[in-house]
């Protein structure tokens, strides 16, 4: 159960992280 949970959660976290980074980059580009 825990192993399965990790397999499911890790990709989601990495996706959210990349999404946040992309949002930051976009906001920085807009401010320029």
PDB file of N, CA and C in Angstrom:
ATOM      1  N   UNK A   1       0.844  -1.204   0.000  1.00  0.00           N
ATOM      2  CA  UNK A   1       0.000   0.000   0.000  1.00  0.00           C
ATOM      3  C   UNK A   1       0.881   1.257   0.000  1.00  0.00           C
ATOM      4  N   UNK A   2       1.822   1.322   0.912  1.00  0.00           N
ATOM      5  CA  UNK A   2       2.693   2.500   0.959  1.00  0.00           C
ATOM      6  C   UNK A   2       3.510   2.623  -0.327  1.00  0.00           C
ATOM      7  N   UNK A   3       4.005   1.490  -0.792  1.00  0.00           N
ATOM      8  CA  UNK A   3       4.809   1.505  -2.021  1.00  0.00           C
ATOM      9  C   UNK A   3       3.976   2.025  -3.191  1.00  0.00           C
ATOM     10  N   UNK A   4       2.775   1.519  -3.307  1.00  0.00           N
ATOM     11  CA  UNK A   4       1.877   1.963  -4.374  1.00  0.00           C
ATOM     12  C   UNK A   4       1.583   3.459  -4.227  1.00  0.00           C
ATOM     13  N   UNK A   5       1.385   3.897  -3.000  1.00  0.00           N
ATOM     14  CA  UNK A   5       1.089   5.308  -2.744  1.00  0.00           C
ATOM     15  C   UNK A   5       2.251   6.183  -3.216  1.00  0.00           C
ATOM     16  N   UNK A   6       3.458   5.747  -2.932  1.00  0.00           N
ATOM     17  CA  UNK A   6       4.639   6.511  -3.361  1.00  0.00           C
ATOM     18  C   UNK A   6       4.708   6.578  -4.880  1.00  0.00           C
ATOM     19  N   UNK A   7       4.437   5.463  -5.525  1.00  0.00           N
ATOM     20  CA  UNK A   7       4.487   5.423  -6.993  1.00  0.00           C
ATOM     21  C   UNK A   7       3.453   6.384  -7.589  1.00  0.00           C
ATOM     22  N   UNK A   8       2.315   6.500  -6.927  1.00  0.00           N
ATOM     23  CA  UNK A   8       1.259   7.375  -7.453  1.00  0.00           C
ATOM     24  C   UNK A   8       1.553   8.844  -7.142  1.00  0.00           C
ATOM     25  N   UNK A   9       2.065   9.108  -5.950  1.00  0.00           N
ATOM     26  CA  UNK A   9       2.220  10.498  -5.507  1.00  0.00           C
ATOM     27  C   UNK A   9       3.449  11.177  -6.114  1.00  0.00           C
ATOM     28  N   UNK A  10       4.538  10.448  -6.265  1.00  0.00           N
ATOM     29  CA  UNK A  10       5.776  11.074  -6.751  1.00  0.00           C
ATOM     30  C   UNK A  10       5.607  11.736  -8.120  1.00  0.00           C
ATOM     31  N   UNK A  11       5.054  11.059  -9.110  1.00  0.00           N
ATOM     32  CA  UNK A  11       4.868  11.708 -10.416  1.00  0.00           C
ATOM     33  C   UNK A  11       3.988  12.953 -10.319  1.00  0.00           C
ATOM     34  N   UNK A  12       2.965  12.890  -9.480  1.00  0.00           N
ATOM     35  CA  UNK A  12       2.066  14.042  -9.327  1.00  0.00           C
ATOM     36  C   UNK A  12       2.832  15.225  -8.738  1.00  0.00           C
ATOM     37  N   UNK A  13       3.643  14.947  -7.729  1.00  0.00           N
ATOM     38  CA  UNK A  13       4.425  16.022  -7.103  1.00  0.00           C
ATOM     39  C   UNK A  13       5.394  16.616  -8.115  1.00  0.00           C
ATOM     40  N   UNK A  14       6.061  15.779  -8.873  1.00  0.00           N
ATOM     41  CA  UNK A  14       7.019  16.281  -9.858  1.00  0.00           C
ATOM     42  C   UNK A  14       6.296  17.100 -10.931  1.00  0.00           C
ATOM     43  N   UNK A  15       5.103  16.671 -11.314  1.00  0.00           N
ATOM     44  CA  UNK A  15       4.326  17.430 -12.300  1.00  0.00           C
ATOM     45  C   UNK A  15       3.945  18.795 -11.732  1.00  0.00           C
ATOM     46  N   UNK A  16       3.498  18.807 -10.477  1.00  0.00           N
ATOM     47  CA  UNK A  16       3.121  20.076  -9.853  1.00  0.00           C
ATOM     48  C   UNK A  16       4.335  20.990  -9.750  1.00  0.00           C
ATOM     49  N   UNK A  17       5.487  20.409  -9.430  1.00  0.00           N
ATOM     50  CA  UNK A  17       6.706  21.211  -9.297  1.00  0.00           C
ATOM     51  C   UNK A  17       7.057  21.851 -10.642  1.00  0.00           C
ATOM     52  N   UNK A  18       7.031  21.066 -11.691  1.00  0.00           N
ATOM     53  CA  UNK A  18       7.368  21.602 -13.009  1.00  0.00           C
ATOM     54  C   UNK A  18       6.321  22.637 -13.436  1.00  0.00           C
ATOM     55  N   UNK A  19       5.066  22.383 -13.092  1.00  0.00           N
ATOM     56  CA  UNK A  19       4.008  23.334 -13.432  1.00  0.00           C
ATOM     57  C   UNK A  19       4.250  24.662 -12.713  1.00  0.00           C
ATOM     58  N   UNK A  20       4.618  24.596 -11.430  1.00  0.00           N
ATOM     59  CA  UNK A  20       4.897  25.817 -10.668  1.00  0.00           C
ATOM     60  C   UNK A  20       6.084  26.551 -11.275  1.00  0.00           C
ATOM     61  N   UNK A  21       7.113  25.816 -11.655  1.00  0.00           N
ATOM     62  CA  UNK A  21       8.290  26.454 -12.248  1.00  0.00           C
ATOM     63  C   UNK A  21       7.919  27.122 -13.564  1.00  0.00           C
ATOM     64  N   UNK A  22       7.096  26.464 -14.356  1.00  0.00           N
ATOM     65  CA  UNK A  22       6.672  27.047 -15.633  1.00  0.00           C
ATOM     66  C   UNK A  22       5.852  28.314 -15.386  1.00  0.00           C
ATOM     67  N   UNK A  23       5.002  28.282 -14.368  1.00  0.00           N
ATOM     68  CA  UNK A  23       4.187  29.452 -14.055  1.00  0.00           C
ATOM     69  C   UNK A  23       5.082  30.614 -13.642  1.00  0.00           C
ATOM     70  N   UNK A  24       6.106  30.306 -12.841  1.00  0.00           N
ATOM     71  CA  UNK A  24       7.036  31.359 -12.412  1.00  0.00           C
ATOM     72  C   UNK A  24       7.754  31.942 -13.622  1.00  0.00           C
ATOM     73  N   UNK A  25       8.216  31.079 -14.510  1.00  0.00           N
ATOM     74  CA  UNK A  25       8.925  31.554 -15.702  1.00  0.00           C
ATOM     75  C   UNK A  25       8.009  32.430 -16.549  1.00  0.00           C
ATOM     76  N   UNK A  26       6.779  32.013 -16.694  1.00  0.00           N
ATOM     77  CA  UNK A  26       5.825  32.778 -17.504  1.00  0.00           C
ATOM     78  C   UNK A  26       5.576  34.141 -16.862  1.00  0.00           C
ATOM     79  N   UNK A  27       5.379  34.160 -15.557  1.00  0.00           N
ATOM     80  CA  UNK A  27       5.115  35.427 -14.873  1.00  0.00           C
ATOM     81  C   UNK A  27       6.327  36.351 -14.990  1.00  0.00           C
ATOM     82  N   UNK A  28       7.532  35.780 -14.921  1.00  0.00           N
ATOM     83  CA  UNK A  28       8.750  36.594 -15.057  1.00  0.00           C
ATOM     84  C   UNK A  28       8.827  37.167 -16.473  1.00  0.00           C
ATOM     85  N   UNK A  29       8.495  36.357 -17.466  1.00  0.00           N
ATOM     86  CA  UNK A  29       8.532  36.828 -18.855  1.00  0.00           C
ATOM     87  C   UNK A  29       7.521  37.959 -19.055  1.00  0.00           C
ATOM     88  N   UNK A  30       6.376  37.835 -18.421  1.00  0.00           N
ATOM     89  CA  UNK A  30       5.331  38.854 -18.588  1.00  0.00           C
ATOM     90  C   UNK A  30       5.770  40.174 -17.955  1.00  0.00           C
ATOM     91  N   UNK A  31       6.493  40.093 -16.854  1.00  0.00           N
ATOM     92  CA  UNK A  31       6.921  41.324 -16.165  1.00  0.00           C
ATOM     93  C   UNK A  31       7.974  42.090 -16.957  1.00  0.00           C
ATOM     94  N   UNK A  32       8.722  41.410 -17.807  1.00  0.00           N
ATOM     95  CA  UNK A  32       9.824  42.076 -18.515  1.00  0.00           C
ATOM     96  C   UNK A  32       9.329  43.180 -19.443  1.00  0.00           C
TER      97      UNK A  32
END
